[in-house]
C-alpha atoms as a PDB file:
ATOM      1  CA  MET A   1     -68.333   0.174  21.067  1.00  0.00           C
ATOM      2  CA  THR A   2     -69.511  -3.237  22.128  1.00  0.00           C
ATOM      3  CA  ASP A   3     -69.500  -3.792  25.864  1.00  0.00           C
ATOM      4  CA  ILE A   4     -66.970  -6.406  26.973  1.00  0.00           C
ATOM      5  CA  PRO A   5     -68.397  -8.710  29.653  1.00  0.00           C
ATOM      6  CA  ALA A   6     -64.959  -9.491  31.086  1.00  0.00           C
ATOM      7  CA  ALA A   7     -65.269  -7.160  34.078  1.00  0.00           C
ATOM      8  CA  PRO A   8     -68.412  -8.778  35.570  1.00  0.00           C
ATOM      9  CA  VAL A   9     -66.918 -12.237  35.097  1.00  0.00           C
ATOM     10  CA  ARG A  10     -63.694 -11.160  36.766  1.00  0.00           C
ATOM     11  CA  ALA A  11     -65.591  -9.556  39.634  1.00  0.00           C
ATOM     12  CA  GLY A  12     -67.437 -12.798  40.157  1.00  0.00           C
ATOM     13  CA  LEU A  13     -64.202 -14.768  40.288  1.00  0.00           C
ATOM     14  CA  VAL A  14     -62.675 -12.729  43.095  1.00  0.00           C
ATOM     15  CA  PRO A  15     -65.175 -13.791  45.791  1.00  0.00           C
ATOM     16  CA  LEU A  16     -64.839 -17.393  44.575  1.00  0.00           C
ATOM     17  CA  ALA A  17     -61.060 -17.242  44.991  1.00  0.00           C
ATOM     18  CA  TRP A  18     -61.473 -15.797  48.468  1.00  0.00           C
ATOM     19  CA  ARG A  19     -63.968 -18.505  49.404  1.00  0.00           C
ATOM     20  CA  ARG A  20     -61.591 -21.205  48.242  1.00  0.00           C
ATOM     21  CA  MET A  21     -58.729 -19.648  50.187  1.00  0.00           C
ATOM     22  CA  LEU A  22     -60.904 -19.391  53.304  1.00  0.00           C
ATOM     23  CA  LEU A  23     -61.889 -23.041  52.908  1.00  0.00           C
ATOM     24  CA  ARG A  24     -58.245 -24.075  52.691  1.00  0.00           C
ATOM     25  CA  HIS A  25     -57.448 -22.100  55.844  1.00  0.00           C
ATOM     26  CA  LEU A  26     -60.353 -23.686  57.718  1.00  0.00           C
ATOM     27  CA  VAL A  27     -59.327 -27.173  56.630  1.00  0.00           C
ATOM     28  CA  VAL A  28     -55.716 -26.676  57.709  1.00  0.00           C
ATOM     29  CA  ILE A  29     -56.801 -25.056  60.993  1.00  0.00           C
ATOM     30  CA  GLY A  30     -58.952 -28.112  61.671  1.00  0.00           C
ATOM     31  CA  VAL A  31     -56.075 -30.464  60.841  1.00  0.00           C
ATOM     32  CA  SER A  32     -53.735 -28.386  63.048  1.00  0.00           C
ATOM     33  CA  ALA A  33     -56.147 -28.508  65.996  1.00  0.00           C
ATOM     34  CA  ALA A  34     -56.538 -32.276  65.619  1.00  0.00           C
ATOM     35  CA  LEU A  35     -52.760 -32.739  65.501  1.00  0.00           C
ATOM     36  CA  ILE A  36     -52.202 -30.576  68.588  1.00  0.00           C
ATOM     37  CA  TYR A  37     -54.874 -32.448  70.526  1.00  0.00           C
ATOM     38  CA  GLY A  38     -53.550 -35.836  69.415  1.00  0.00           C
ATOM     39  CA  PHE A  39     -49.968 -35.039  70.352  1.00  0.00           C
ATOM     40  CA  ALA A  40     -51.108 -33.565  73.690  1.00  0.00           C
ATOM     41  CA  VAL A  41     -52.783 -36.908  74.426  1.00  0.00           C
ATOM     42  CA  VAL A  42     -49.598 -38.776  73.476  1.00  0.00           C
ATOM     43  CA  HIS A  43     -47.593 -36.572  75.866  1.00  0.00           C
ATOM     44  CA  GLY A  44     -50.233 -36.580  78.593  1.00  0.00           C
ATOM     45  CA  GLN A  45     -47.865 -38.045  81.188  1.00  0.00           C
ATOM     46  CA  TRP A  46     -45.514 -35.058  80.972  1.00  0.00           C
ATOM     47  CA  SER A  47     -45.691 -31.781  82.886  1.00  0.00           C
ATOM     48  CA  PRO A  48     -48.094 -29.246  81.310  1.00  0.00           C
ATOM     49  CA  MET A  49     -45.276 -27.095  79.939  1.00  0.00           C
ATOM     50  CA  HIS A  50     -43.494 -29.974  78.214  1.00  0.00           C
ATOM     51  CA  ARG A  51     -46.800 -31.517  77.141  1.00  0.00           C
ATOM     52  CA  TRP A  52     -47.910 -28.446  75.187  1.00  0.00           C
ATOM     53  CA  ASN A  53     -44.393 -27.526  74.152  1.00  0.00           C
ATOM     54  CA  ARG A  54     -44.049 -30.867  72.407  1.00  0.00           C
ATOM     55  CA  ALA A  55     -47.645 -30.937  71.146  1.00  0.00           C
ATOM     56  CA  PHE A  56     -47.204 -27.676  69.226  1.00  0.00           C
ATOM     57  CA  ALA A  57     -43.708 -28.625  68.069  1.00  0.00           C
ATOM     58  CA  ASP A  58     -44.800 -32.057  66.827  1.00  0.00           C
ATOM     59  CA  ALA A  59     -47.882 -30.629  65.109  1.00  0.00           C
ATOM     60  CA  SER A  60     -45.695 -28.014  63.411  1.00  0.00           C
ATOM     61  CA  LEU A  61     -43.300 -30.697  62.191  1.00  0.00           C
ATOM     62  CA  ALA A  62     -46.207 -32.845  60.955  1.00  0.00           C
ATOM     63  CA  LEU A  63     -47.491 -29.922  58.872  1.00  0.00           C
ATOM     64  CA  LEU A  64     -43.980 -29.339  57.568  1.00  0.00           C
ATOM     65  CA  VAL A  65     -43.783 -33.006  56.552  1.00  0.00           C
ATOM     66  CA  ILE A  66     -47.076 -32.582  54.685  1.00  0.00           C
ATOM     67  CA  THR A  67     -45.810 -29.387  53.038  1.00  0.00           C
ATOM     68  CA  MET A  68     -42.615 -31.064  51.840  1.00  0.00           C
ATOM     69  CA  SER A  69     -44.557 -34.117  50.588  1.00  0.00           C
ATOM     70  CA  ILE A  70     -47.262 -32.412  48.543  1.00  0.00           C
ATOM     71  CA  GLY A  71     -45.045 -31.336  45.628  1.00  0.00           C
ATOM     72  CA  PRO A  72     -43.260 -34.646  44.978  1.00  0.00           C
ATOM     73  CA  GLY A  73     -46.465 -36.554  45.711  1.00  0.00           C
ATOM     74  CA  ALA A  74     -48.280 -34.615  42.982  1.00  0.00           C
ATOM     75  CA  ARG A  75     -45.454 -35.372  40.537  1.00  0.00           C
ATOM     76  CA  LEU A  76     -45.835 -39.093  41.169  1.00  0.00           C
ATOM     77  CA  TRP A  77     -49.635 -39.202  41.407  1.00  0.00           C
ATOM     78  CA  PRO A  78     -51.410 -36.523  39.327  1.00  0.00           C
ATOM     79  CA  ALA A  79     -54.589 -37.127  41.339  1.00  0.00           C
ATOM     80  CA  LEU A  80     -52.881 -35.197  44.154  1.00  0.00           C
ATOM     81  CA  LEU A  81     -52.492 -32.041  42.067  1.00  0.00           C
ATOM     82  CA  ARG A  82     -55.491 -30.509  43.840  1.00  0.00           C
ATOM     83  CA  ALA A  83     -53.588 -30.755  47.111  1.00  0.00           C
ATOM     84  CA  VAL A  84     -50.860 -28.421  45.796  1.00  0.00           C
ATOM     85  CA  ALA A  85     -53.166 -25.477  46.507  1.00  0.00           C
ATOM     86  CA  TYR A  86     -52.973 -26.352  50.231  1.00  0.00           C
ATOM     87  CA  ARG A  87     -49.184 -26.157  50.379  1.00  0.00           C
ATOM     88  CA  ARG A  88     -49.195 -22.442  51.174  1.00  0.00           C
ATOM     89  CA  GLU A  89     -51.604 -22.882  54.097  1.00  0.00           C
ATOM     90  CA  THR A  90     -49.816 -25.906  55.568  1.00  0.00           C
ATOM     91  CA  GLY A  91     -46.560 -23.941  55.483  1.00  0.00           C
ATOM     92  CA  ILE A  92     -48.174 -20.926  57.144  1.00  0.00           C
ATOM     93  CA  TYR A  93     -49.672 -22.901  60.021  1.00  0.00           C
ATOM     94  CA  ALA A  94     -46.512 -24.960  60.478  1.00  0.00           C
ATOM     95  CA  THR A  95     -44.755 -21.629  61.089  1.00  0.00           C
ATOM     96  CA  LEU A  96     -47.437 -20.300  63.438  1.00  0.00           C
ATOM     97  CA  LEU A  97     -47.383 -23.483  65.531  1.00  0.00           C
ATOM     98  CA  ALA A  98     -43.581 -23.300  65.689  1.00  0.00           C
ATOM     99  CA  ALA A  99     -43.888 -19.714  66.937  1.00  0.00           C
ATOM    100  CA  VAL A 100     -46.275 -20.822  69.713  1.00  0.00           C
ATOM    101  CA  HIS A 101     -43.831 -23.615  70.588  1.00  0.00           C
ATOM    102  CA  THR A 102     -41.077 -20.988  70.890  1.00  0.00           C
ATOM    103  CA  VAL A 103     -43.158 -18.780  73.185  1.00  0.00           C
ATOM    104  CA  ILE A 104     -43.893 -21.766  75.450  1.00  0.00           C
ATOM    105  CA  ILE A 105     -40.166 -22.528  75.629  1.00  0.00           C
ATOM    106  CA  LEU A 106     -39.310 -18.913  76.444  1.00  0.00           C
ATOM    107  CA  GLY A 107     -41.936 -18.589  79.157  1.00  0.00           C
ATOM    108  CA  GLY A 108     -42.009 -22.072  80.641  1.00  0.00           C
ATOM    109  CA  TRP A 109     -38.544 -23.542  80.202  1.00  0.00           C
ATOM    110  CA  VAL A 110     -35.996 -20.687  80.210  1.00  0.00           C
ATOM    111  CA  GLU A 111     -38.366 -18.236  81.962  1.00  0.00           C
ATOM    112  CA  TRP A 112     -37.464 -15.366  79.607  1.00  0.00           C
ATOM    113  CA  ASP A 113     -33.797 -15.629  80.558  1.00  0.00           C
ATOM    114  CA  PHE A 114     -32.295 -15.492  77.076  1.00  0.00           C
ATOM    115  CA  ALA A 115     -28.861 -16.559  78.321  1.00  0.00           C
ATOM    116  CA  ARG A 116     -30.410 -19.866  79.426  1.00  0.00           C
ATOM    117  CA  LEU A 117     -31.900 -20.252  75.951  1.00  0.00           C
ATOM    118  CA  PHE A 118     -28.357 -20.544  74.619  1.00  0.00           C
ATOM    119  CA  GLY A 119     -27.185 -23.018  77.235  1.00  0.00           C
ATOM    120  CA  TYR A 120     -25.884 -20.685  79.954  1.00  0.00           C
ATOM    121  CA  GLU A 121     -26.739 -21.032  83.632  1.00  0.00           C
ATOM    122  CA  ILE A 122     -25.980 -18.608  86.444  1.00  0.00           C
ATOM    123  CA  ILE A 123     -23.658 -19.761  89.243  1.00  0.00           C
ATOM    124  CA  PRO A 124     -25.180 -18.660  92.588  1.00  0.00           C
ATOM    125  CA  GLN A 125     -21.776 -18.350  94.276  1.00  0.00           C
ATOM    126  CA  THR A 126     -20.402 -15.878  91.732  1.00  0.00           C
ATOM    127  CA  GLY A 127     -23.537 -14.550  90.047  1.00  0.00           C
ATOM    128  CA  GLU A 128     -21.931 -15.175  86.660  1.00  0.00           C
ATOM    129  CA  TYR A 129     -23.206 -17.117  83.680  1.00  0.00           C
ATOM    130  CA  VAL A 130     -21.276 -20.151  82.474  1.00  0.00           C
ATOM    131  CA  MET A 131     -21.889 -22.459  79.534  1.00  0.00           C
ATOM    132  CA  PHE A 132     -23.736 -25.441  80.985  1.00  0.00           C
ATOM    133  CA  GLN A 133     -25.514 -27.135  78.055  1.00  0.00           C
ATOM    134  CA  GLN A 134     -23.658 -26.684  74.788  1.00  0.00           C
ATOM    135  CA  GLY A 135     -25.999 -28.900  72.789  1.00  0.00           C
ATOM    136  CA  PHE A 136     -29.091 -27.168  74.166  1.00  0.00           C
ATOM    137  CA  GLY A 137     -27.777 -23.756  73.154  1.00  0.00           C
ATOM    138  CA  LEU A 138     -26.728 -24.859  69.674  1.00  0.00           C
ATOM    139  CA  ALA A 139     -30.024 -26.672  69.033  1.00  0.00           C
ATOM    140  CA  ASN A 140     -31.975 -23.592  70.112  1.00  0.00           C
ATOM    141  CA  LEU A 141     -29.854 -21.373  67.871  1.00  0.00           C
ATOM    142  CA  ILE A 142     -30.653 -23.675  64.953  1.00  0.00           C
ATOM    143  CA  GLY A 143     -34.330 -23.591  65.937  1.00  0.00           C
ATOM    144  CA  ILE A 144     -34.319 -19.779  66.007  1.00  0.00           C
ATOM    145  CA  ALA A 145     -32.707 -19.710  62.563  1.00  0.00           C
ATOM    146  CA  ALA A 146     -35.366 -22.133  61.293  1.00  0.00           C
ATOM    147  CA  LEU A 147     -38.179 -20.020  62.737  1.00  0.00           C
ATOM    148  CA  ALA A 148     -36.720 -16.810  61.291  1.00  0.00           C
ATOM    149  CA  TYR A 149     -36.472 -18.418  57.867  1.00  0.00           C
ATOM    150  CA  ALA A 150     -39.987 -19.840  58.172  1.00  0.00           C
ATOM    151  CA  LEU A 151     -41.370 -16.411  59.064  1.00  0.00           C
ATOM    152  CA  MET A 152     -39.658 -14.920  56.011  1.00  0.00           C
ATOM    153  CA  LEU A 153     -41.235 -17.596  53.811  1.00  0.00           C
ATOM    154  CA  MET A 154     -44.624 -17.091  55.460  1.00  0.00           C
ATOM    155  CA  PHE A 155     -44.658 -13.312  55.033  1.00  0.00           C
ATOM    156  CA  THR A 156     -43.716 -13.639  51.354  1.00  0.00           C
ATOM    157  CA  SER A 157     -46.160 -16.472  50.672  1.00  0.00           C
ATOM    158  CA  ASN A 158     -48.710 -14.263  48.925  1.00  0.00           C
ATOM    159  CA  ASP A 159     -49.467 -12.815  45.506  1.00  0.00           C
ATOM    160  CA  ARG A 160     -48.412  -9.304  46.545  1.00  0.00           C
ATOM    161  CA  SER A 161     -44.887 -10.545  47.292  1.00  0.00           C
ATOM    162  CA  ILE A 162     -44.752 -12.216  43.879  1.00  0.00           C
ATOM    163  CA  ARG A 163     -45.541  -8.882  42.227  1.00  0.00           C
ATOM    164  CA  LEU A 164     -43.102  -7.003  44.458  1.00  0.00           C
ATOM    165  CA  LEU A 165     -40.143  -9.382  44.181  1.00  0.00           C
ATOM    166  CA  GLY A 166     -40.764 -10.723  40.713  1.00  0.00           C
ATOM    167  CA  THR A 167     -41.496 -14.328  39.852  1.00  0.00           C
ATOM    168  CA  SER A 168     -37.889 -15.515  39.554  1.00  0.00           C
ATOM    169  CA  VAL A 169     -36.739 -13.991  42.858  1.00  0.00           C
ATOM    170  CA  TRP A 170     -39.879 -15.185  44.646  1.00  0.00           C
ATOM    171  CA  LYS A 171     -39.423 -18.750  43.370  1.00  0.00           C
ATOM    172  CA  PHE A 172     -35.758 -18.713  44.403  1.00  0.00           C
ATOM    173  CA  LEU A 173     -36.761 -17.632  47.910  1.00  0.00           C
ATOM    174  CA  GLN A 174     -39.563 -20.164  48.257  1.00  0.00           C
ATOM    175  CA  ASN A 175     -37.462 -23.008  46.861  1.00  0.00           C
ATOM    176  CA  GLY A 176     -35.158 -22.420  49.819  1.00  0.00           C
ATOM    177  CA  ALA A 177     -37.735 -24.254  51.926  1.00  0.00           C
ATOM    178  CA  THR A 178     -35.312 -27.180  51.850  1.00  0.00           C
ATOM    179  CA  VAL A 179     -33.013 -25.064  54.050  1.00  0.00           C
ATOM    180  CA  LEU A 180     -35.843 -24.670  56.550  1.00  0.00           C
ATOM    181  CA  TRP A 181     -36.481 -28.410  56.332  1.00  0.00           C
ATOM    182  CA  GLY A 182     -32.880 -29.237  57.187  1.00  0.00           C
ATOM    183  CA  LEU A 183     -32.712 -26.795  60.104  1.00  0.00           C
ATOM    184  CA  ALA A 184     -35.990 -28.095  61.539  1.00  0.00           C
ATOM    185  CA  LEU A 185     -34.812 -31.707  61.338  1.00  0.00           C
ATOM    186  CA  VAL A 186     -31.534 -31.024  63.139  1.00  0.00           C
ATOM    187  CA  HIS A 187     -33.315 -29.022  65.858  1.00  0.00           C
ATOM    188  CA  THR A 188     -35.962 -31.707  66.372  1.00  0.00           C
ATOM    189  CA  ALA A 189     -33.543 -34.639  66.273  1.00  0.00           C
ATOM    190  CA  TYR A 190     -31.435 -33.147  69.059  1.00  0.00           C
ATOM    191  CA  PHE A 191     -34.372 -32.882  71.474  1.00  0.00           C
ATOM    192  CA  LEU A 192     -35.766 -36.264  70.482  1.00  0.00           C
ATOM    193  CA  PHE A 193     -32.572 -38.277  70.798  1.00  0.00           C
ATOM    194  CA  MET A 194     -29.777 -36.391  72.562  1.00  0.00           C
ATOM    195  CA  HIS A 195     -30.739 -33.627  74.983  1.00  0.00           C
ATOM    196  CA  PHE A 196     -31.957 -35.663  77.932  1.00  0.00           C
ATOM    197  CA  LEU A 197     -29.067 -38.156  77.725  1.00  0.00           C
ATOM    198  CA  SER A 198     -26.955 -35.707  79.728  1.00  0.00           C
ATOM    199  CA  PHE A 199     -29.238 -36.070  82.765  1.00  0.00           C
ATOM    200  CA  HIS A 200     -29.082 -38.808  85.403  1.00  0.00           C
ATOM    201  CA  ARG A 201     -32.816 -39.395  84.920  1.00  0.00           C
ATOM    202  CA  PRO A 202     -34.679 -38.250  81.805  1.00  0.00           C
ATOM    203  CA  THR A 203     -36.927 -35.277  82.566  1.00  0.00           C
ATOM    204  CA  PRO A 204     -39.404 -35.545  80.957  1.00  0.00           C
ATOM    205  CA  GLU A 205     -39.494 -39.096  79.593  1.00  0.00           C
ATOM    206  CA  PRO A 206     -38.183 -39.474  76.024  1.00  0.00           C
ATOM    207  CA  ASN A 207     -40.616 -38.544  73.303  1.00  0.00           C
ATOM    208  CA  PRO A 208     -42.562 -41.694  72.289  1.00  0.00           C
ATOM    209  CA  LEU A 209     -42.655 -40.378  68.733  1.00  0.00           C
ATOM    210  CA  GLN A 210     -38.919 -40.796  68.160  1.00  0.00           C
ATOM    211  CA  TRP A 211     -39.162 -43.613  65.633  1.00  0.00           C
ATOM    212  CA  PRO A 212     -42.336 -42.350  63.937  1.00  0.00           C
ATOM    213  CA  PHE A 213     -40.311 -39.148  63.406  1.00  0.00           C
ATOM    214  CA  VAL A 214     -37.543 -41.163  61.744  1.00  0.00           C
ATOM    215  CA  ALA A 215     -40.105 -43.013  59.602  1.00  0.00           C
ATOM    216  CA  ALA A 216     -41.722 -39.740  58.512  1.00  0.00           C
ATOM    217  CA  ILE A 217     -38.382 -38.198  57.548  1.00  0.00           C
ATOM    218  CA  LEU A 218     -37.302 -41.260  55.594  1.00  0.00           C
ATOM    219  CA  SER A 219     -40.682 -41.309  53.841  1.00  0.00           C
ATOM    220  CA  VAL A 220     -40.264 -37.707  52.718  1.00  0.00           C
ATOM    221  CA  LEU A 221     -36.717 -38.366  51.492  1.00  0.00           C
ATOM    222  CA  LEU A 222     -37.814 -41.465  49.568  1.00  0.00           C
ATOM    223  CA  LEU A 223     -40.817 -39.629  48.125  1.00  0.00           C
ATOM    224  CA  ARG A 224     -38.694 -36.732  46.926  1.00  0.00           C
ATOM    225  CA  ALA A 225     -36.077 -39.101  45.507  1.00  0.00           C
ATOM    226  CA  ALA A 226     -38.767 -41.057  43.650  1.00  0.00           C
ATOM    227  CA  ALA A 227     -40.247 -37.820  42.265  1.00  0.00           C
ATOM    228  CA  PHE A 228     -36.786 -36.724  41.084  1.00  0.00           C
ATOM    229  CA  VAL A 229     -36.141 -40.026  39.319  1.00  0.00           C
ATOM    230  CA  SER A 230     -39.615 -39.994  37.761  1.00  0.00           C
ATOM    231  CA  THR A 231     -39.273 -36.419  36.501  1.00  0.00           C
ATOM    232  CA  TRP A 232     -35.770 -37.064  35.164  1.00  0.00           C
ATOM    233  CA  GLY A 233     -36.960 -40.213  33.386  1.00  0.00           C
ATOM    234  CA  LYS A 234     -39.868 -38.402  31.722  1.00  0.00           C
ATOM    235  CA  LYS A 235     -37.662 -35.537  30.527  1.00  0.00           C
ATOM    236  CA  ARG A 236     -35.078 -37.995  29.215  1.00  0.00           C
ATOM    237  CA  ASN A 237     -37.723 -39.923  27.275  1.00  0.00           C
ATOM    238  CA  SER A 238     -39.281 -36.753  25.874  1.00  0.00           C
ATOM    239  CA  SER A 239     -35.909 -35.545  24.566  1.00  0.00           C
ATOM    240  CA  ARG A 240     -35.351 -38.683  22.492  1.00  0.00           C
END
């Protein structure tokens, strides 16, 4: 029988695929570090806990914005198709940064008192917990749901999960990223615009990135709407 050279070629492709994946991880790690540093500078006037809490949260949201923009961007501008390969890594590091943000909140803000995480405070006179900040508790519950969903997407964002779940089930799960997007926006919007309004004096000062956040969200919505219209128009023309 004639030897088939497919095996050596395939063996040579595996290291190449790993090198490309490693490169993508390194690029996104570098972008993540730059975002964290930049946001830490923006929040430099805040206490260390709130400074790094917001730096990791804002960097996570920035990566999520990039993740949600890559797909529709590639539909509108084919030159961006190469960026689609980075969508998995940007989603992974958006989740990891959100997890660090959560740990900072637990240790620095609520001091591992999980009742406080959901808006309860203890009354010294009675030693009982009462609901003190309804919005804080609800926003944190939404944030926990978003993180849990993001972790599920992250742990299934690999080829092994595709083989285990099947392509159709895996795609259905990953397409639910819009649910994560919505939860993250509600959680972020509360802390950017509403939480500190219940205090006599804002502590810390309002996030200076409030309106850039709004601009980023509107940009993503417009981008996705434009991609939808473009795709619909092309399919309509092709069916004629």
